[in-house]
Amino acid sequence: MQNFLVLVTARSFGNADNKAWELLSSHGCEVRHLKATAEESLEVQLEQQIADADGIIAGLETYDRTLLNKAKKLKVISRYGVGYDAIDLAYAQERNIVVTITPGANSDSVSDLAVALMLSAARHVPYMHQQMQNGESQRPTGVEMWHKTLGVLGTGRIGAGVVRRCSGFEMDVLCYDMYENEELKAQYGARYVDFDTLVRSSDFISIHTPLSPETSNLFNAEVFAKMKKRAVLVNTARGGIINEDDLVLALREGQIGAAALDVTVMGTPYQGPLAELSNCILTPHAGAATYEASSNMSLMASQNLVQVLEGHLCAHEVNRPTP
């Protein structure tokens, strides 16, 4: 059996159970789980050890040309998640490094959080909790989700999961996507509309689209001016899809009712004006922070990595370097 050195940088990798650890061990992998310490950051440890690594199970850290140049043996970066915008894909291709992702592994967890954020923002749950902790009992007036209009941008696994969950509220569902999900149309009455119709008509908007040149700052001052005054905007996708400066003004001036963001441009920890607003909920990119998602992503990321290291095609590759 061939032996491989594997670096793991994803913080919650293997926390839920031993399935991923056992898989890697059974395929001859020596695993080093890198974690930031008070003395040494994760990035510094990665720079020091990447030269000897055959594979990496990667978190959200950046893999740019400078870092990849230090990799002498690297064959695969197996992302613990689905986003790979932090990886210089073109240069990885040039260096014959395969990049893989774990689609679907955390879909249920992120869908759950998106709906939780909708409800929490609609009923001001964090604000009321904070008031109670301070010995006060404010009761801000909220809005119901029952029989309202839901707008979903991106109807892949997560967006579709949100639609299914919100069907219990008997919501009118509007969708915006290049590809129409026939199941959502047939079983949940979803209607695909243009972006302008969706933002004007929706009481709740949930974002599930990648960050790209087309979606960067998609939600901006012009869009907020078109939205309903009590609309709730939820983003569990990527920071940058919303222009956050414009969002601050829209929330302060009451152009929209509330926002709930699991992702921001700044990332975590967040220190910006959105944190000062009572009608904005911020969570630390926690969509996948469940035991179930951790188990699923750990195992799938390990399977992807082993397949590439052992010379097999992987169904979840986002590039395929030329031999």
C-alpha atoms as a PDB file:
ATOM      1  CA  MET A   1       0.000   0.000   0.000  1.00  0.00           C
ATOM      2  CA  GLN A   2       1.274   3.447  -0.947  1.00  0.00           C
ATOM      3  CA  ASN A   3       1.649   5.966   1.875  1.00  0.00           C
ATOM      4  CA  PHE A   4       0.407   9.559   1.581  1.00  0.00           C
ATOM      5  CA  LEU A   5       0.878  12.623   3.760  1.00  0.00           C
ATOM      6  CA  VAL A   6      -2.421  14.473   4.125  1.00  0.00           C
ATOM      7  CA  LEU A   7      -2.827  17.869   5.755  1.00  0.00           C
ATOM      8  CA  VAL A   8      -6.252  18.731   7.174  1.00  0.00           C
ATOM      9  CA  THR A   9      -7.047  22.408   7.726  1.00  0.00           C
ATOM     10  CA  ALA A  10     -10.853  22.250   8.058  1.00  0.00           C
ATOM     11  CA  ARG A  11     -11.498  22.927  11.745  1.00  0.00           C
ATOM     12  CA  SER A  12     -14.510  20.641  12.276  1.00  0.00           C
ATOM     13  CA  PHE A  13     -13.193  17.790  10.130  1.00  0.00           C
ATOM     14  CA  GLY A  14     -13.890  14.433  11.775  1.00  0.00           C
ATOM     15  CA  ASN A  15     -15.454  15.942  14.889  1.00  0.00           C
ATOM     16  CA  ALA A  16     -18.759  14.120  14.571  1.00  0.00           C
ATOM     17  CA  ASP A  17     -17.494  10.550  14.223  1.00  0.00           C
ATOM     18  CA  ASN A  18     -14.500   8.438  13.164  1.00  0.00           C
ATOM     19  CA  LYS A  19     -15.677   7.436   9.677  1.00  0.00           C
ATOM     20  CA  ALA A  20     -13.379   9.810   7.784  1.00  0.00           C
ATOM     21  CA  TRP A  21     -10.347   9.077   9.978  1.00  0.00           C
ATOM     22  CA  GLU A  22     -10.824   5.341   9.499  1.00  0.00           C
ATOM     23  CA  LEU A  23     -11.178   5.718   5.721  1.00  0.00           C
ATOM     24  CA  LEU A  24      -7.967   7.733   5.433  1.00  0.00           C
ATOM     25  CA  SER A  25      -6.059   5.324   7.654  1.00  0.00           C
ATOM     26  CA  SER A  26      -7.242   2.312   5.669  1.00  0.00           C
ATOM     27  CA  HIS A  27      -5.820   3.891   2.491  1.00  0.00           C
ATOM     28  CA  GLY A  28      -2.355   4.549   3.910  1.00  0.00           C
ATOM     29  CA  CYS A  29      -2.754   8.220   4.765  1.00  0.00           C
ATOM     30  CA  GLU A  30      -0.710   9.869   7.488  1.00  0.00           C
ATOM     31  CA  VAL A  31      -2.927  12.736   8.613  1.00  0.00           C
ATOM     32  CA  ARG A  32      -1.813  15.978  10.241  1.00  0.00           C
ATOM     33  CA  HIS A  33      -4.695  18.151  11.464  1.00  0.00           C
ATOM     34  CA  LEU A  34      -3.380  21.715  11.463  1.00  0.00           C
ATOM     35  CA  LYS A  35      -4.983  24.096  13.938  1.00  0.00           C
ATOM     36  CA  ALA A  36      -4.186  27.688  14.744  1.00  0.00           C
ATOM     37  CA  THR A  37      -2.519  28.324  18.092  1.00  0.00           C
ATOM     38  CA  ALA A  38      -1.593  31.446  20.032  1.00  0.00           C
ATOM     39  CA  GLU A  39       1.967  31.050  18.797  1.00  0.00           C
ATOM     40  CA  GLU A  40       1.379  30.051  15.172  1.00  0.00           C
ATOM     41  CA  SER A  41      -1.419  30.709  12.713  1.00  0.00           C
ATOM     42  CA  LEU A  42      -2.905  28.036  10.485  1.00  0.00           C
ATOM     43  CA  GLU A  43      -1.521  29.822   7.433  1.00  0.00           C
ATOM     44  CA  VAL A  44       2.044  29.745   8.773  1.00  0.00           C
ATOM     45  CA  GLN A  45       1.776  26.030   9.579  1.00  0.00           C
ATOM     46  CA  LEU A  46       0.430  25.354   6.102  1.00  0.00           C
ATOM     47  CA  GLU A  47       3.272  27.258   4.456  1.00  0.00           C
ATOM     48  CA  GLN A  48       5.776  25.267   6.479  1.00  0.00           C
ATOM     49  CA  GLN A  49       4.322  21.832   5.728  1.00  0.00           C
ATOM     50  CA  ILE A  50       2.732  22.038   2.276  1.00  0.00           C
ATOM     51  CA  ALA A  51       5.990  21.075   0.520  1.00  0.00           C
ATOM     52  CA  ASP A  52       5.713  17.488   1.798  1.00  0.00           C
ATOM     53  CA  ALA A  53       1.957  17.051   1.394  1.00  0.00           C
ATOM     54  CA  ASP A  54       0.402  14.696  -1.153  1.00  0.00           C
ATOM     55  CA  GLY A  55      -3.101  15.957  -0.427  1.00  0.00           C
ATOM     56  CA  ILE A  56      -4.973  18.590   1.574  1.00  0.00           C
ATOM     57  CA  ILE A  57      -8.473  18.517   3.021  1.00  0.00           C
ATOM     58  CA  ALA A  58      -8.971  22.258   2.944  1.00  0.00           C
ATOM     59  CA  GLY A  59     -11.054  24.752   4.872  1.00  0.00           C
ATOM     60  CA  LEU A  60     -11.711  28.329   3.796  1.00  0.00           C
ATOM     61  CA  GLU A  61      -8.079  29.487   3.683  1.00  0.00           C
ATOM     62  CA  THR A  62      -6.556  30.929   0.527  1.00  0.00           C
ATOM     63  CA  TYR A  63      -4.495  28.853  -1.912  1.00  0.00           C
ATOM     64  CA  ASP A  64      -2.842  31.409  -4.156  1.00  0.00           C
ATOM     65  CA  ARG A  65       0.096  31.104  -6.521  1.00  0.00           C
ATOM     66  CA  THR A  66       2.612  31.923  -3.783  1.00  0.00           C
ATOM     67  CA  LEU A  67       1.420  29.121  -1.518  1.00  0.00           C
ATOM     68  CA  LEU A  68       0.948  26.573  -4.296  1.00  0.00           C
ATOM     69  CA  ASN A  69       4.511  27.256  -5.467  1.00  0.00           C
ATOM     70  CA  LYS A  70       5.714  25.787  -2.174  1.00  0.00           C
ATOM     71  CA  ALA A  71       3.865  22.503  -2.866  1.00  0.00           C
ATOM     72  CA  LYS A  72       6.313  19.989  -4.354  1.00  0.00           C
ATOM     73  CA  LYS A  73       4.205  16.805  -4.284  1.00  0.00           C
ATOM     74  CA  LEU A  74       0.633  18.050  -4.004  1.00  0.00           C
ATOM     75  CA  LYS A  75      -1.873  16.131  -6.121  1.00  0.00           C
ATOM     76  CA  VAL A  76      -5.232  17.184  -4.686  1.00  0.00           C
ATOM     77  CA  ILE A  77      -6.950  19.910  -2.689  1.00  0.00           C
ATOM     78  CA  SER A  78     -10.160  18.376  -1.386  1.00  0.00           C
ATOM     79  CA  ARG A  79     -12.415  21.223  -0.238  1.00  0.00           C
ATOM     80  CA  TYR A  80     -14.433  20.593   2.890  1.00  0.00           C
ATOM     81  CA  GLY A  81     -17.466  22.342   1.404  1.00  0.00           C
ATOM     82  CA  VAL A  82     -18.543  23.568  -2.016  1.00  0.00           C
ATOM     83  CA  GLY A  83     -16.921  26.985  -2.438  1.00  0.00           C
ATOM     84  CA  TYR A  84     -13.533  27.099  -4.144  1.00  0.00           C
ATOM     85  CA  ASP A  85     -13.179  30.820  -4.912  1.00  0.00           C
ATOM     86  CA  ALA A  86     -10.236  30.984  -2.455  1.00  0.00           C
ATOM     87  CA  ILE A  87      -8.242  28.607  -4.667  1.00  0.00           C
ATOM     88  CA  ASP A  88      -6.324  29.827  -7.725  1.00  0.00           C
ATOM     89  CA  LEU A  89      -7.940  27.221  -9.945  1.00  0.00           C
ATOM     90  CA  ALA A  90      -6.043  28.163 -13.080  1.00  0.00           C
ATOM     91  CA  TYR A  91      -2.688  27.832 -11.359  1.00  0.00           C
ATOM     92  CA  ALA A  92      -3.727  24.595  -9.665  1.00  0.00           C
ATOM     93  CA  GLN A  93      -4.563  23.287 -13.130  1.00  0.00           C
ATOM     94  CA  GLU A  94      -1.158  24.400 -14.370  1.00  0.00           C
ATOM     95  CA  ARG A  95       0.502  22.577 -11.473  1.00  0.00           C
ATOM     96  CA  ASN A  96      -1.552  19.402 -12.096  1.00  0.00           C
ATOM     97  CA  ILE A  97      -3.381  19.727  -8.774  1.00  0.00           C
ATOM     98  CA  VAL A  98      -6.941  18.418  -8.783  1.00  0.00           C
ATOM     99  CA  VAL A  99      -9.509  20.415  -6.804  1.00  0.00           C
ATOM    100  CA  THR A 100     -12.625  18.664  -5.469  1.00  0.00           C
ATOM    101  CA  ILE A 101     -15.694  19.750  -3.495  1.00  0.00           C
ATOM    102  CA  THR A 102     -18.408  18.096  -1.382  1.00  0.00           C
ATOM    103  CA  PRO A 103     -21.719  19.031  -3.052  1.00  0.00           C
ATOM    104  CA  GLY A 104     -24.853  18.168  -1.138  1.00  0.00           C
ATOM    105  CA  ALA A 105     -23.082  17.131   2.061  1.00  0.00           C
ATOM    106  CA  ASN A 106     -24.236  20.176   4.028  1.00  0.00           C
ATOM    107  CA  SER A 107     -27.386  21.058   2.074  1.00  0.00           C
ATOM    108  CA  ASP A 108     -29.861  20.145   4.793  1.00  0.00           C
ATOM    109  CA  SER A 109     -27.931  22.011   7.474  1.00  0.00           C
ATOM    110  CA  VAL A 110     -27.698  25.213   5.421  1.00  0.00           C
ATOM    111  CA  SER A 111     -31.363  24.981   4.406  1.00  0.00           C
ATOM    112  CA  ASP A 112     -32.331  24.621   8.068  1.00  0.00           C
ATOM    113  CA  LEU A 113     -30.297  27.693   9.034  1.00  0.00           C
ATOM    114  CA  ALA A 114     -31.738  29.805   6.211  1.00  0.00           C
ATOM    115  CA  VAL A 115     -35.268  29.165   7.467  1.00  0.00           C
ATOM    116  CA  ALA A 116     -34.190  29.695  11.075  1.00  0.00           C
ATOM    117  CA  LEU A 117     -32.759  33.083  10.087  1.00  0.00           C
ATOM    118  CA  MET A 118     -35.976  34.011   8.269  1.00  0.00           C
ATOM    119  CA  LEU A 119     -38.064  33.331  11.352  1.00  0.00           C
ATOM    120  CA  SER A 120     -35.583  34.967  13.715  1.00  0.00           C
ATOM    121  CA  ALA A 121     -35.373  38.142  11.621  1.00  0.00           C
ATOM    122  CA  ALA A 122     -39.119  38.280  11.017  1.00  0.00           C
ATOM    123  CA  ARG A 123     -39.884  38.079  14.746  1.00  0.00           C
ATOM    124  CA  HIS A 124     -36.807  39.943  16.081  1.00  0.00           C
ATOM    125  CA  VAL A 125     -35.790  36.930  18.193  1.00  0.00           C
ATOM    126  CA  PRO A 126     -32.131  37.925  18.897  1.00  0.00           C
ATOM    127  CA  TYR A 127     -33.143  41.484  19.809  1.00  0.00           C
ATOM    128  CA  MET A 128     -35.824  40.314  22.262  1.00  0.00           C
ATOM    129  CA  HIS A 129     -33.409  37.803  23.776  1.00  0.00           C
ATOM    130  CA  GLN A 130     -30.821  40.531  24.302  1.00  0.00           C
ATOM    131  CA  GLN A 131     -33.424  42.784  25.888  1.00  0.00           C
ATOM    132  CA  MET A 132     -34.458  40.032  28.285  1.00  0.00           C
ATOM    133  CA  GLN A 133     -30.820  39.489  29.233  1.00  0.00           C
ATOM    134  CA  ASN A 134     -30.626  43.197  30.022  1.00  0.00           C
ATOM    135  CA  GLY A 135     -33.667  42.980  32.299  1.00  0.00           C
ATOM    136  CA  GLU A 136     -36.054  44.596  29.825  1.00  0.00           C
ATOM    137  CA  SER A 137     -39.028  43.237  27.899  1.00  0.00           C
ATOM    138  CA  GLN A 138     -39.346  44.975  24.550  1.00  0.00           C
ATOM    139  CA  ARG A 139     -41.863  43.445  22.121  1.00  0.00           C
ATOM    140  CA  PRO A 140     -41.098  44.767  18.622  1.00  0.00           C
ATOM    141  CA  THR A 141     -43.796  44.072  16.068  1.00  0.00           C
ATOM    142  CA  GLY A 142     -42.785  41.382  13.607  1.00  0.00           C
ATOM    143  CA  VAL A 143     -44.212  39.807  10.475  1.00  0.00           C
ATOM    144  CA  GLU A 144     -45.575  36.325   9.834  1.00  0.00           C
ATOM    145  CA  MET A 145     -44.262  33.852   7.271  1.00  0.00           C
ATOM    146  CA  TRP A 146     -47.659  32.178   6.920  1.00  0.00           C
ATOM    147  CA  HIS A 147     -49.090  32.622   3.390  1.00  0.00           C
ATOM    148  CA  LYS A 148     -46.406  35.151   2.424  1.00  0.00           C
ATOM    149  CA  THR A 149     -44.338  35.242  -0.768  1.00  0.00           C
ATOM    150  CA  LEU A 150     -40.920  33.591  -0.716  1.00  0.00           C
ATOM    151  CA  GLY A 151     -38.290  34.517  -3.292  1.00  0.00           C
ATOM    152  CA  VAL A 152     -35.424  32.055  -3.790  1.00  0.00           C
ATOM    153  CA  LEU A 153     -32.317  32.932  -5.797  1.00  0.00           C
ATOM    154  CA  GLY A 154     -30.691  29.701  -6.897  1.00  0.00           C
ATOM    155  CA  THR A 155     -32.668  26.479  -6.718  1.00  0.00           C
ATOM    156  CA  GLY A 156     -29.938  23.894  -6.386  1.00  0.00           C
ATOM    157  CA  ARG A 157     -29.852  21.558  -3.403  1.00  0.00           C
ATOM    158  CA  ILE A 158     -29.949  24.254  -0.722  1.00  0.00           C
ATOM    159  CA  GLY A 159     -32.435  26.568  -2.386  1.00  0.00           C
ATOM    160  CA  ALA A 160     -34.712  23.616  -3.126  1.00  0.00           C
ATOM    161  CA  GLY A 161     -34.390  22.551   0.512  1.00  0.00           C
ATOM    162  CA  VAL A 162     -35.580  25.977   1.635  1.00  0.00           C
ATOM    163  CA  VAL A 163     -38.606  25.741  -0.654  1.00  0.00           C
ATOM    164  CA  ARG A 164     -39.517  22.324   0.750  1.00  0.00           C
ATOM    165  CA  ARG A 165     -39.229  23.536   4.324  1.00  0.00           C
ATOM    166  CA  CYS A 166     -41.254  26.680   3.658  1.00  0.00           C
ATOM    167  CA  SER A 167     -44.037  24.677   2.052  1.00  0.00           C
ATOM    168  CA  GLY A 168     -45.284  24.142   5.605  1.00  0.00           C
ATOM    169  CA  PHE A 169     -46.004  27.876   5.750  1.00  0.00           C
ATOM    170  CA  GLU A 170     -48.056  27.608   2.530  1.00  0.00           C
ATOM    171  CA  MET A 171     -45.960  30.345   0.949  1.00  0.00           C
ATOM    172  CA  ASP A 172     -46.256  31.495  -2.636  1.00  0.00           C
ATOM    173  CA  VAL A 173     -42.848  30.584  -4.086  1.00  0.00           C
ATOM    174  CA  LEU A 174     -40.995  32.636  -6.683  1.00  0.00           C
ATOM    175  CA  CYS A 175     -37.658  31.402  -8.043  1.00  0.00           C
ATOM    176  CA  TYR A 176     -34.856  32.901 -10.086  1.00  0.00           C
ATOM    177  CA  ASP A 177     -32.327  30.563 -11.702  1.00  0.00           C
ATOM    178  CA  MET A 178     -30.878  29.768 -15.104  1.00  0.00           C
ATOM    179  CA  TYR A 179     -32.113  26.191 -14.744  1.00  0.00           C
ATOM    180  CA  GLU A 180     -35.659  25.440 -13.619  1.00  0.00           C
ATOM    181  CA  ASN A 181     -36.278  22.725 -11.028  1.00  0.00           C
ATOM    182  CA  GLU A 182     -39.226  20.745 -12.333  1.00  0.00           C
ATOM    183  CA  GLU A 183     -39.871  19.085  -8.958  1.00  0.00           C
ATOM    184  CA  LEU A 184     -40.316  22.451  -7.259  1.00  0.00           C
ATOM    185  CA  LYS A 185     -42.738  23.542  -9.956  1.00  0.00           C
ATOM    186  CA  ALA A 186     -44.774  20.337  -9.882  1.00  0.00           C
ATOM    187  CA  GLN A 187     -44.879  19.604  -6.152  1.00  0.00           C
ATOM    188  CA  TYR A 188     -44.640  23.049  -4.556  1.00  0.00           C
ATOM    189  CA  GLY A 189     -46.142  25.346  -7.169  1.00  0.00           C
ATOM    190  CA  ALA A 190     -42.913  27.309  -7.592  1.00  0.00           C
ATOM    191  CA  ARG A 191     -42.908  29.851 -10.398  1.00  0.00           C
ATOM    192  CA  TYR A 192     -39.751  31.008 -12.136  1.00  0.00           C
ATOM    193  CA  VAL A 193     -39.704  34.762 -12.718  1.00  0.00           C
ATOM    194  CA  ASP A 194     -37.189  37.444 -13.644  1.00  0.00           C
ATOM    195  CA  PHE A 195     -35.036  39.032 -10.952  1.00  0.00           C
ATOM    196  CA  ASP A 196     -36.945  42.313 -10.931  1.00  0.00           C
ATOM    197  CA  THR A 197     -40.278  40.566 -10.363  1.00  0.00           C
ATOM    198  CA  LEU A 198     -38.811  38.492  -7.548  1.00  0.00           C
ATOM    199  CA  VAL A 199     -37.388  41.445  -5.595  1.00  0.00           C
ATOM    200  CA  ARG A 200     -40.532  43.538  -6.018  1.00  0.00           C
ATOM    201  CA  SER A 201     -42.959  40.758  -5.056  1.00  0.00           C
ATOM    202  CA  SER A 202     -41.234  38.800  -2.273  1.00  0.00           C
ATOM    203  CA  ASP A 203     -41.794  39.209   1.450  1.00  0.00           C
ATOM    204  CA  PHE A 204     -38.821  36.944   2.185  1.00  0.00           C
ATOM    205  CA  ILE A 205     -35.783  36.551  -0.080  1.00  0.00           C
ATOM    206  CA  SER A 206     -33.236  33.758   0.426  1.00  0.00           C
ATOM    207  CA  ILE A 207     -29.960  33.809  -1.530  1.00  0.00           C
ATOM    208  CA  HIS A 208     -28.389  30.534  -2.703  1.00  0.00           C
ATOM    209  CA  THR A 209     -26.284  31.495  -5.685  1.00  0.00           C
ATOM    210  CA  PRO A 210     -22.479  31.478  -6.139  1.00  0.00           C
ATOM    211  CA  LEU A 211     -20.444  34.682  -6.014  1.00  0.00           C
ATOM    212  CA  SER A 212     -19.432  35.572  -9.562  1.00  0.00           C
ATOM    213  CA  PRO A 213     -18.923  38.723 -11.630  1.00  0.00           C
ATOM    214  CA  GLU A 214     -22.640  38.514 -12.458  1.00  0.00           C
ATOM    215  CA  THR A 215     -23.801  38.227  -8.839  1.00  0.00           C
ATOM    216  CA  SER A 216     -21.272  40.549  -7.170  1.00  0.00           C
ATOM    217  CA  ASN A 217     -23.222  43.417  -5.526  1.00  0.00           C
ATOM    218  CA  LEU A 218     -26.397  42.008  -7.052  1.00  0.00           C
ATOM    219  CA  PHE A 219     -28.337  43.434  -4.118  1.00  0.00           C
ATOM    220  CA  ASN A 220     -27.602  47.153  -4.040  1.00  0.00           C
ATOM    221  CA  ALA A 221     -29.311  50.479  -3.398  1.00  0.00           C
ATOM    222  CA  GLU A 222     -31.305  50.272  -6.605  1.00  0.00           C
ATOM    223  CA  VAL A 223     -32.627  46.818  -5.689  1.00  0.00           C
ATOM    224  CA  PHE A 224     -33.394  47.731  -2.069  1.00  0.00           C
ATOM    225  CA  ALA A 225     -35.501  50.641  -3.327  1.00  0.00           C
ATOM    226  CA  LYS A 226     -37.674  48.150  -5.218  1.00  0.00           C
ATOM    227  CA  MET A 227     -38.176  45.720  -2.331  1.00  0.00           C
ATOM    228  CA  LYS A 228     -41.149  45.687   0.024  1.00  0.00           C
ATOM    229  CA  LYS A 229     -40.814  47.870   3.126  1.00  0.00           C
ATOM    230  CA  ARG A 230     -41.096  44.880   5.475  1.00  0.00           C
ATOM    231  CA  ALA A 231     -39.119  42.443   3.336  1.00  0.00           C
ATOM    232  CA  VAL A 232     -36.637  40.114   5.031  1.00  0.00           C
ATOM    233  CA  LEU A 233     -33.382  39.351   3.181  1.00  0.00           C
ATOM    234  CA  VAL A 234     -31.389  36.221   4.076  1.00  0.00           C
ATOM    235  CA  ASN A 235     -27.959  35.315   2.726  1.00  0.00           C
ATOM    236  CA  THR A 236     -26.346  31.951   3.505  1.00  0.00           C
ATOM    237  CA  ALA A 237     -24.409  31.834   0.214  1.00  0.00           C
ATOM    238  CA  ARG A 238     -21.416  34.160  -0.149  1.00  0.00           C
ATOM    239  CA  GLY A 239     -20.418  37.592   1.076  1.00  0.00           C
ATOM    240  CA  GLY A 240     -20.214  40.084  -1.781  1.00  0.00           C
ATOM    241  CA  ILE A 241     -23.548  39.218  -3.357  1.00  0.00           C
ATOM    242  CA  ILE A 242     -24.990  42.001  -1.203  1.00  0.00           C
ATOM    243  CA  ASN A 243     -23.502  45.494  -1.256  1.00  0.00           C
ATOM    244  CA  GLU A 244     -23.204  45.854   2.505  1.00  0.00           C
ATOM    245  CA  ASP A 245     -22.793  49.646   2.530  1.00  0.00           C
ATOM    246  CA  ASP A 246     -26.074  49.960   0.656  1.00  0.00           C
ATOM    247  CA  LEU A 247     -27.690  47.402   2.962  1.00  0.00           C
ATOM    248  CA  VAL A 248     -26.745  49.432   6.049  1.00  0.00           C
ATOM    249  CA  LEU A 249     -28.523  52.475   4.618  1.00  0.00           C
ATOM    250  CA  ALA A 250     -31.562  50.437   3.528  1.00  0.00           C
ATOM    251  CA  LEU A 251     -31.940  48.970   7.027  1.00  0.00           C
ATOM    252  CA  ARG A 252     -31.364  52.282   8.811  1.00  0.00           C
ATOM    253  CA  GLU A 253     -33.841  54.144   6.617  1.00  0.00           C
ATOM    254  CA  GLY A 254     -36.482  51.413   6.703  1.00  0.00           C
ATOM    255  CA  GLN A 255     -36.384  50.640   2.983  1.00  0.00           C
ATOM    256  CA  ILE A 256     -36.549  46.965   3.947  1.00  0.00           C
ATOM    257  CA  GLY A 257     -37.591  45.322   7.185  1.00  0.00           C
ATOM    258  CA  ALA A 258     -34.670  43.138   8.204  1.00  0.00           C
ATOM    259  CA  ALA A 259     -31.660  41.143   7.043  1.00  0.00           C
ATOM    260  CA  ALA A 260     -29.973  37.996   8.305  1.00  0.00           C
ATOM    261  CA  LEU A 261     -26.491  37.167   7.036  1.00  0.00           C
ATOM    262  CA  ASP A 262     -24.474  34.025   7.628  1.00  0.00           C
ATOM    263  CA  VAL A 263     -21.811  35.417   5.288  1.00  0.00           C
ATOM    264  CA  THR A 264     -20.255  38.860   4.881  1.00  0.00           C
ATOM    265  CA  VAL A 265     -17.466  40.381   2.824  1.00  0.00           C
ATOM    266  CA  MET A 266     -15.387  40.869   5.974  1.00  0.00           C
ATOM    267  CA  GLY A 267     -15.965  37.321   7.164  1.00  0.00           C
ATOM    268  CA  THR A 268     -15.483  36.488  10.815  1.00  0.00           C
ATOM    269  CA  PRO A 269     -14.997  38.013  13.230  1.00  0.00           C
ATOM    270  CA  TYR A 270     -17.210  40.765  11.807  1.00  0.00           C
ATOM    271  CA  GLN A 271     -16.568  44.322  12.965  1.00  0.00           C
ATOM    272  CA  GLY A 272     -18.662  46.679  10.906  1.00  0.00           C
ATOM    273  CA  PRO A 273     -21.799  48.820  10.924  1.00  0.00           C
ATOM    274  CA  LEU A 274     -24.212  45.929  10.318  1.00  0.00           C
ATOM    275  CA  ALA A 275     -23.418  44.649  13.811  1.00  0.00           C
ATOM    276  CA  GLU A 276     -24.843  47.855  15.279  1.00  0.00           C
ATOM    277  CA  LEU A 277     -28.307  47.412  13.734  1.00  0.00           C
ATOM    278  CA  SER A 278     -31.111  45.768  15.686  1.00  0.00           C
ATOM    279  CA  ASN A 279     -32.806  44.670  12.450  1.00  0.00           C
ATOM    280  CA  CYS A 280     -29.775  42.753  11.184  1.00  0.00           C
ATOM    281  CA  ILE A 281     -28.769  39.278  12.384  1.00  0.00           C
ATOM    282  CA  LEU A 282     -25.183  38.120  11.849  1.00  0.00           C
ATOM    283  CA  THR A 283     -23.960  34.535  12.206  1.00  0.00           C
ATOM    284  CA  PRO A 284     -20.362  33.330  11.642  1.00  0.00           C
ATOM    285  CA  HIS A 285     -20.693  31.291   8.417  1.00  0.00           C
ATOM    286  CA  ALA A 286     -22.316  28.543  10.485  1.00  0.00           C
ATOM    287  CA  GLY A 287     -24.568  26.978   7.854  1.00  0.00           C
ATOM    288  CA  ALA A 288     -22.693  23.679   7.939  1.00  0.00           C
ATOM    289  CA  ALA A 289     -22.122  23.644  11.699  1.00  0.00           C
ATOM    290  CA  THR A 290     -24.111  20.512  12.541  1.00  0.00           C
ATOM    291  CA  TYR A 291     -22.947  17.047  13.503  1.00  0.00           C
ATOM    292  CA  GLU A 292     -24.684  15.586  10.465  1.00  0.00           C
ATOM    293  CA  ALA A 293     -23.061  17.971   7.988  1.00  0.00           C
ATOM    294  CA  SER A 294     -19.656  17.523   9.589  1.00  0.00           C
ATOM    295  CA  SER A 295     -19.909  13.759   9.246  1.00  0.00           C
ATOM    296  CA  ASN A 296     -21.104  13.967   5.636  1.00  0.00           C
ATOM    297  CA  MET A 297     -18.501  16.507   4.534  1.00  0.00           C
ATOM    298  CA  SER A 298     -15.628  14.779   6.336  1.00  0.00           C
ATOM    299  CA  LEU A 299     -16.393  11.447   4.725  1.00  0.00           C
ATOM    300  CA  MET A 300     -17.011  12.862   1.236  1.00  0.00           C
ATOM    301  CA  ALA A 301     -13.885  15.048   1.342  1.00  0.00           C
ATOM    302  CA  SER A 302     -11.853  11.996   2.365  1.00  0.00           C
ATOM    303  CA  GLN A 303     -13.371   9.839  -0.370  1.00  0.00           C
ATOM    304  CA  ASN A 304     -12.636  12.529  -2.969  1.00  0.00           C
ATOM    305  CA  LEU A 305      -9.045  12.857  -1.796  1.00  0.00           C
ATOM    306  CA  VAL A 306      -8.368   9.106  -1.769  1.00  0.00           C
ATOM    307  CA  GLN A 307      -9.842   8.635  -5.244  1.00  0.00           C
ATOM    308  CA  VAL A 308      -7.495  11.242  -6.713  1.00  0.00           C
ATOM    309  CA  LEU A 309      -4.424  10.079  -4.777  1.00  0.00           C
ATOM    310  CA  GLU A 310      -4.982   6.529  -5.978  1.00  0.00           C
ATOM    311  CA  GLY A 311      -5.285   7.641  -9.596  1.00  0.00           C
ATOM    312  CA  HIS A 312      -9.046   7.390 -10.058  1.00  0.00           C
ATOM    313  CA  LEU A 313     -11.472   9.908 -11.496  1.00  0.00           C
ATOM    314  CA  CYS A 314     -13.538  11.714  -8.883  1.00  0.00           C
ATOM    315  CA  ALA A 315     -17.128  12.705  -9.641  1.00  0.00           C
ATOM    316  CA  HIS A 316     -16.726  15.929  -7.667  1.00  0.00           C
ATOM    317  CA  GLU A 317     -13.687  17.417  -9.406  1.00  0.00           C
ATOM    318  CA  VAL A 318     -13.931  21.066 -10.442  1.00  0.00           C
ATOM    319  CA  ASN A 319     -10.873  20.773 -12.658  1.00  0.00           C
ATOM    320  CA  ARG A 320      -9.004  17.952 -14.350  1.00  0.00           C
ATOM    321  CA  PRO A 321      -5.357  18.736 -15.095  1.00  0.00           C
ATOM    322  CA  THR A 322      -3.894  17.321 -18.270  1.00  0.00           C
ATOM    323  CA  PRO A 323      -1.559  14.367 -17.512  1.00  0.00           C
END
